[in-house]
Amino acid sequence: MDKNRTEGAKNQVKGTAKEVAGKVTGNTGKEVEGKVQKGVGKAQSAVGKSRDEARTHR
């Protein structure tokens, strides 16, 4: 498994936690920061998935 997939998953979890914390506390900045980090994690996971697929099709 590509490192980007695991790092991406980690970023998605951290982003979700920040987003929820922001919603609960009313901290809009933290909520937005969480959404951004979650998006970065999804993109990073997609890159890792593509790399894994490229390796298997060699």
C-alpha atoms as a PDB file:
ATOM      1  CA  MET A   1       0.000   0.000   0.000  1.00  0.00           C
ATOM      2  CA  ASP A   2       1.288   3.414  -0.949  1.00  0.00           C
ATOM      3  CA  LYS A   3       2.253   5.773   1.869  1.00  0.00           C
ATOM      4  CA  ASN A   4      -0.048   8.444   0.430  1.00  0.00           C
ATOM      5  CA  ARG A   5      -3.067   6.237   1.072  1.00  0.00           C
ATOM      6  CA  THR A   6      -2.278   5.853   4.762  1.00  0.00           C
ATOM      7  CA  GLU A   7      -1.321   9.504   5.212  1.00  0.00           C
ATOM      8  CA  GLY A   8      -4.462  10.532   3.352  1.00  0.00           C
ATOM      9  CA  ALA A   9      -6.631   8.430   5.632  1.00  0.00           C
ATOM     10  CA  LYS A  10      -4.914   9.953   8.644  1.00  0.00           C
ATOM     11  CA  ASN A  11      -5.554  13.470   7.333  1.00  0.00           C
ATOM     12  CA  GLN A  12      -9.215  12.643   6.727  1.00  0.00           C
ATOM     13  CA  VAL A  13      -9.645  11.455  10.317  1.00  0.00           C
ATOM     14  CA  LYS A  14      -7.852  14.491  11.739  1.00  0.00           C
ATOM     15  CA  GLY A  15      -9.885  16.788   9.505  1.00  0.00           C
ATOM     16  CA  THR A  16     -13.147  15.227  10.593  1.00  0.00           C
ATOM     17  CA  ALA A  17     -12.161  15.619  14.249  1.00  0.00           C
ATOM     18  CA  LYS A  18     -11.293  19.292  13.743  1.00  0.00           C
ATOM     19  CA  GLU A  19     -14.511  19.887  11.835  1.00  0.00           C
ATOM     20  CA  VAL A  20     -16.636  18.340  14.591  1.00  0.00           C
ATOM     21  CA  ALA A  21     -14.727  20.195  17.300  1.00  0.00           C
ATOM     22  CA  GLY A  22     -15.282  23.435  15.420  1.00  0.00           C
ATOM     23  CA  LYS A  23     -19.013  22.784  15.097  1.00  0.00           C
ATOM     24  CA  VAL A  24     -19.383  21.860  18.772  1.00  0.00           C
ATOM     25  CA  THR A  25     -17.462  24.888  20.035  1.00  0.00           C
ATOM     26  CA  GLY A  26     -18.817  27.309  17.443  1.00  0.00           C
ATOM     27  CA  ASN A  27     -15.301  27.921  16.121  1.00  0.00           C
ATOM     28  CA  THR A  28     -15.896  28.482  12.401  1.00  0.00           C
ATOM     29  CA  GLY A  29     -12.171  28.741  11.674  1.00  0.00           C
ATOM     30  CA  LYS A  30     -11.469  25.322  13.157  1.00  0.00           C
ATOM     31  CA  GLU A  31     -14.445  23.870  11.285  1.00  0.00           C
ATOM     32  CA  VAL A  32     -13.173  25.216   7.956  1.00  0.00           C
ATOM     33  CA  GLU A  33      -9.635  24.053   8.757  1.00  0.00           C
ATOM     34  CA  GLY A  34     -11.028  20.559   9.343  1.00  0.00           C
ATOM     35  CA  LYS A  35     -12.922  20.566   6.049  1.00  0.00           C
ATOM     36  CA  VAL A  36      -9.774  21.624   4.190  1.00  0.00           C
ATOM     37  CA  GLN A  37      -7.649  18.957   5.882  1.00  0.00           C
ATOM     38  CA  LYS A  38     -10.290  16.346   5.102  1.00  0.00           C
ATOM     39  CA  GLY A  39     -10.227  17.391   1.432  1.00  0.00           C
ATOM     40  CA  VAL A  40      -6.442  17.190   1.347  1.00  0.00           C
ATOM     41  CA  GLY A  41      -6.653  13.719   2.828  1.00  0.00           C
ATOM     42  CA  LYS A  42      -9.126  12.568   0.178  1.00  0.00           C
ATOM     43  CA  ALA A  43      -6.886  13.868  -2.603  1.00  0.00           C
ATOM     44  CA  GLN A  44      -3.821  12.275  -1.035  1.00  0.00           C
ATOM     45  CA  SER A  45      -5.621   8.948  -0.739  1.00  0.00           C
ATOM     46  CA  ALA A  46      -6.628   9.149  -4.397  1.00  0.00           C
ATOM     47  CA  VAL A  47      -2.996   9.704  -5.396  1.00  0.00           C
ATOM     48  CA  GLY A  48      -1.953   6.691  -3.344  1.00  0.00           C
ATOM     49  CA  LYS A  49      -4.679   4.557  -4.857  1.00  0.00           C
ATOM     50  CA  SER A  50      -3.578   5.537  -8.362  1.00  0.00           C
ATOM     51  CA  ARG A  51       0.011   4.676  -7.566  1.00  0.00           C
ATOM     52  CA  ASP A  52      -1.009   1.299  -6.168  1.00  0.00           C
ATOM     53  CA  GLU A  53      -3.029   0.562  -9.303  1.00  0.00           C
ATOM     54  CA  ALA A  54      -0.134   1.626 -11.520  1.00  0.00           C
ATOM     55  CA  ARG A  55       2.174  -0.789  -9.679  1.00  0.00           C
ATOM     56  CA  THR A  56      -0.185  -3.726 -10.102  1.00  0.00           C
ATOM     57  CA  HIS A  57      -0.598  -3.129 -13.858  1.00  0.00           C
ATOM     58  CA  ARG A  58       3.116  -3.250 -14.677  1.00  0.00           C
END
